[in-house]
Amino acid sequence: MTDPGQRGFTLVEVLIALAITAFVAAASYSGISSTLTGAEQLRTASERTRDLNRALAFLNRDLRQFSNRPVRDEFGGMQPALSGGPLAFYPLSLTRDGWSNTLQQPRSELQRVFYYLEEDSLWRAYYPVLDRAVDAEPQRMELLQQVTALELRFLDTLDNLQLDRDLVVDTRGWRESWVADPGAGNAVPPPPVALELRIELADLGEVRRLYELPLR
């Protein structure tokens, strides 16, 4: 016999319990989903920052180890130790010292490196020799994606260095290109004393760096 003091759940009570369970489950899923989305966004941002710092580390190292050694291109023409800007073949090319030679290969420790944009990516390339032949093939490495612009400005002498009212270096009067004069024969210009690098990123905006070149 059924105890008259006991009774089961009514349909309304069951539906209310199911609704509460569904609400708690939905809230829990939403919280977990937000946590996972935040973790993924943090991971993506961390990787992006790492890639940017890696690209800047290459640039910093190459410019810090700049060497005043002009080179001959594949057509026999003399190129400055450093050149760049819209009038140059590459946005930035330079000779650098300190090329590690752990295998003791018969080569110089100087290296000619190039930075350029291709399909919205920043690339670094170098040739195995300084004075290259026509059939020389560069070694290339992709440094950074989603790069929409790469611009440089060059300071010729310290006498032209100017500061604005906030004591910030004013680069508006700096040269936009640093190239050899086609009418000067094999004569090449001396390197600039400093340069400004501007990288425009699709997601992070503008990154600017100023570099003082070593006197070598």
Protein backbone atom coordinates (compact mmCIF):
# COMPACT_ATOMS: atom_id res chain seq x y z
CA MET A 1 0.00 0.00 0.00
CA THR A 2 1.13 3.55 -0.71
CA ASP A 3 1.70 5.74 2.27
CA PRO A 4 -0.87 8.53 1.96
CA GLY A 5 1.73 10.93 3.47
CA GLN A 6 4.04 10.47 0.48
CA ARG A 7 3.50 11.92 -2.95
CA GLY A 8 5.55 12.15 -6.15
CA PHE A 9 6.66 15.19 -8.13
CA THR A 10 4.08 16.89 -10.22
CA LEU A 11 4.74 17.55 -13.90
CA VAL A 12 5.16 21.25 -13.22
CA GLU A 13 7.81 20.55 -10.60
CA VAL A 14 9.68 18.24 -12.97
CA LEU A 15 9.61 20.86 -15.74
CA ILE A 16 10.87 23.54 -13.34
CA ALA A 17 13.71 21.25 -12.21
CA LEU A 18 14.65 20.53 -15.84
CA ALA A 19 14.58 24.24 -16.65
CA ILE A 20 16.86 25.05 -13.71
CA THR A 21 19.26 22.26 -14.72
CA ALA A 22 19.33 23.50 -18.31
CA PHE A 23 19.98 27.08 -17.15
CA VAL A 24 22.85 26.01 -14.90
CA ALA A 25 24.32 23.88 -17.70
CA ALA A 26 24.05 26.75 -20.18
CA ALA A 27 25.65 29.18 -17.73
CA SER A 28 28.45 26.72 -17.03
CA TYR A 29 29.07 26.15 -20.75
CA SER A 30 29.09 29.88 -21.38
CA GLY A 31 31.65 30.38 -18.64
CA ILE A 32 33.85 27.56 -19.92
CA SER A 33 33.51 28.82 -23.50
CA SER A 34 34.51 32.34 -22.47
CA THR A 35 37.49 30.97 -20.57
CA LEU A 36 38.62 28.89 -23.53
CA THR A 37 38.13 31.83 -25.92
CA GLY A 38 40.12 34.11 -23.63
CA ALA A 39 42.89 31.53 -23.36
CA GLU A 40 43.02 31.17 -27.16
CA GLN A 41 43.13 34.94 -27.64
CA LEU A 42 45.91 35.20 -25.05
CA ARG A 43 47.87 32.44 -26.79
CA THR A 44 47.44 34.15 -30.18
CA ALA A 45 48.51 37.51 -28.78
CA SER A 46 51.49 35.90 -27.07
CA GLU A 47 52.60 34.21 -30.29
CA ARG A 48 52.15 37.46 -32.22
CA THR A 49 54.24 39.38 -29.70
CA ARG A 50 56.89 36.67 -29.83
CA ASP A 51 57.05 36.87 -33.65
CA LEU A 52 57.31 40.68 -33.55
CA ASN A 53 60.08 40.59 -30.95
CA ARG A 54 61.91 37.95 -32.99
CA ALA A 55 61.78 40.10 -36.14
CA LEU A 56 62.99 43.16 -34.23
CA ALA A 57 65.77 41.10 -32.66
CA PHE A 58 67.09 40.21 -36.13
CA LEU A 59 66.96 43.86 -37.18
CA ASN A 60 68.60 45.04 -33.96
CA ARG A 61 71.40 42.52 -34.26
CA ASP A 62 72.12 43.23 -37.95
CA LEU A 63 72.14 47.01 -37.50
CA ARG A 64 74.19 46.83 -34.30
CA GLN A 65 76.80 44.75 -36.18
CA PHE A 66 76.80 46.97 -39.27
CA SER A 67 80.13 47.06 -41.12
CA ASN A 68 81.14 49.78 -43.57
CA ARG A 69 81.97 47.42 -46.43
CA PRO A 70 80.46 48.19 -49.86
CA VAL A 71 79.71 45.24 -52.17
CA ARG A 72 79.42 44.49 -55.85
CA ASP A 73 76.01 43.38 -57.10
CA GLU A 74 75.39 40.70 -59.70
CA PHE A 75 75.93 43.24 -62.50
CA GLY A 76 79.32 44.40 -61.22
CA GLY A 77 78.09 47.72 -59.83
CA MET A 78 79.23 48.99 -56.46
CA GLN A 79 76.58 49.21 -53.77
CA PRO A 80 76.91 51.17 -50.51
CA ALA A 81 77.56 49.34 -47.27
CA LEU A 82 73.98 50.27 -46.40
CA SER A 83 71.18 51.27 -48.76
CA GLY A 84 67.41 51.44 -48.62
CA GLY A 85 64.24 53.34 -49.26
CA PRO A 86 61.88 53.42 -52.27
CA LEU A 87 64.73 54.19 -54.72
CA ALA A 88 66.72 51.12 -53.66
CA PHE A 89 66.14 47.58 -54.90
CA TYR A 90 65.42 46.44 -51.33
CA PRO A 91 63.84 48.56 -48.59
CA LEU A 92 66.92 47.80 -46.50
CA SER A 93 70.21 46.08 -47.31
CA LEU A 94 73.44 46.22 -45.35
CA THR A 95 76.74 44.53 -44.65
CA ARG A 96 77.07 43.13 -41.15
CA ASP A 97 79.90 41.62 -39.16
CA GLY A 98 79.88 38.64 -36.83
CA TRP A 99 78.50 35.96 -39.16
CA SER A 100 79.12 32.85 -37.10
CA ASN A 101 81.30 30.24 -38.80
CA THR A 102 81.21 27.27 -36.43
CA LEU A 103 81.94 24.82 -39.28
CA GLN A 104 85.10 26.75 -40.24
CA GLN A 105 84.01 27.11 -43.85
CA PRO A 106 86.23 29.07 -46.27
CA ARG A 107 84.16 32.26 -46.19
CA SER A 108 84.12 35.73 -44.71
CA GLU A 109 82.52 36.55 -41.38
CA LEU A 110 80.88 39.52 -43.11
CA GLN A 111 77.39 39.01 -44.50
CA ARG A 112 75.13 40.97 -46.81
CA VAL A 113 71.54 40.92 -45.56
CA PHE A 114 68.30 42.24 -47.05
CA TYR A 115 64.88 43.07 -45.64
CA TYR A 116 61.82 43.35 -47.86
CA LEU A 117 58.06 42.76 -48.03
CA GLU A 118 56.44 39.99 -50.02
CA GLU A 119 52.74 39.10 -49.82
CA ASP A 120 52.27 41.08 -46.59
CA SER A 121 55.17 39.35 -44.86
CA LEU A 122 58.53 40.72 -43.76
CA TRP A 123 61.42 38.66 -45.10
CA ARG A 124 65.13 38.53 -44.35
CA ALA A 125 67.55 37.20 -46.96
CA TYR A 126 71.30 36.89 -47.36
CA TYR A 127 73.78 35.70 -49.96
CA PRO A 128 76.59 33.25 -49.14
CA VAL A 129 79.15 35.74 -50.55
CA LEU A 130 79.46 39.52 -50.38
CA ASP A 131 80.25 40.20 -54.05
CA ARG A 132 77.70 37.99 -55.71
CA ALA A 133 77.48 36.53 -59.19
CA VAL A 134 74.49 36.60 -61.52
CA ASP A 135 73.46 33.05 -60.62
CA ALA A 136 73.76 33.55 -56.85
CA GLU A 137 70.69 32.41 -54.93
CA PRO A 138 69.76 34.05 -51.61
CA GLN A 139 68.81 32.21 -48.45
CA ARG A 140 65.42 33.52 -47.33
CA MET A 141 63.53 33.49 -44.05
CA GLU A 142 60.03 34.77 -43.28
CA LEU A 143 60.14 36.89 -40.12
CA LEU A 144 56.70 38.41 -39.62
CA GLN A 145 53.24 38.19 -41.22
CA GLN A 146 50.46 40.79 -41.61
CA VAL A 147 52.95 43.56 -42.40
CA THR A 148 51.36 46.23 -44.59
CA ALA A 149 54.24 48.73 -44.82
CA LEU A 150 58.00 48.96 -44.30
CA GLU A 151 59.50 52.45 -44.45
CA LEU A 152 62.87 53.92 -43.55
CA ARG A 153 64.40 57.36 -43.14
CA PHE A 154 68.12 58.10 -43.01
CA LEU A 155 70.13 60.78 -41.19
CA ASP A 156 73.23 61.86 -43.13
CA THR A 157 75.11 63.78 -40.41
CA LEU A 158 74.65 64.58 -36.73
CA ASP A 159 74.61 68.27 -37.66
CA ASN A 160 71.13 67.70 -39.15
CA LEU A 161 69.78 66.01 -36.03
CA GLN A 162 66.80 67.98 -34.68
CA LEU A 163 64.55 67.59 -31.66
CA ASP A 164 60.98 68.77 -31.34
CA ARG A 165 59.56 70.71 -28.39
CA ASP A 166 59.19 67.47 -26.42
CA LEU A 167 62.88 66.62 -27.00
CA VAL A 168 61.89 63.78 -29.33
CA VAL A 169 63.99 63.18 -32.45
CA ASP A 170 62.30 64.82 -35.44
CA THR A 171 62.82 62.59 -38.49
CA ARG A 172 60.63 64.47 -40.96
CA GLY A 173 63.66 66.05 -42.63
CA TRP A 174 65.62 62.81 -42.93
CA ARG A 175 66.24 61.26 -46.34
CA GLU A 176 63.70 58.74 -47.57
CA SER A 177 66.25 56.84 -49.69
CA TRP A 178 69.93 56.04 -49.30
CA VAL A 179 71.38 54.89 -52.62
CA ALA A 180 74.46 55.35 -54.79
CA ASP A 181 74.48 58.19 -57.29
CA PRO A 182 74.18 56.62 -60.77
CA GLY A 183 76.41 59.36 -62.20
CA ALA A 184 79.21 58.85 -59.68
CA GLY A 185 80.70 55.75 -61.31
CA ASN A 186 81.92 53.26 -58.72
CA ALA A 187 81.91 55.86 -55.95
CA VAL A 188 79.49 55.01 -53.14
CA PRO A 189 78.17 57.31 -50.42
CA PRO A 190 79.31 56.86 -46.84
CA PRO A 191 76.75 55.21 -44.58
CA PRO A 192 74.20 57.30 -42.69
CA VAL A 193 74.79 57.95 -39.02
CA ALA A 194 71.29 56.83 -38.02
CA LEU A 195 68.06 55.52 -39.46
CA GLU A 196 64.40 55.28 -38.50
CA LEU A 197 62.48 52.09 -39.19
CA ARG A 198 58.69 52.09 -39.41
CA ILE A 199 56.69 48.85 -39.68
CA GLU A 200 52.91 48.96 -40.12
CA LEU A 201 51.08 45.85 -38.85
CA ALA A 202 47.52 44.99 -39.82
CA ASP A 203 46.55 44.06 -36.25
CA LEU A 204 48.96 45.94 -33.98
CA GLY A 205 49.36 49.24 -35.81
CA GLU A 206 52.63 51.10 -36.19
CA VAL A 207 56.00 50.14 -34.73
CA ARG A 208 58.88 52.66 -34.91
CA ARG A 209 62.52 52.17 -34.01
CA LEU A 210 65.53 54.52 -34.17
CA TYR A 211 69.00 53.08 -34.72
CA GLU A 212 72.37 54.76 -34.42
CA LEU A 213 74.82 53.00 -36.71
CA PRO A 214 78.26 52.02 -35.35
CA LEU A 215 81.25 53.75 -36.93
CA ARG A 216 83.23 50.91 -38.50
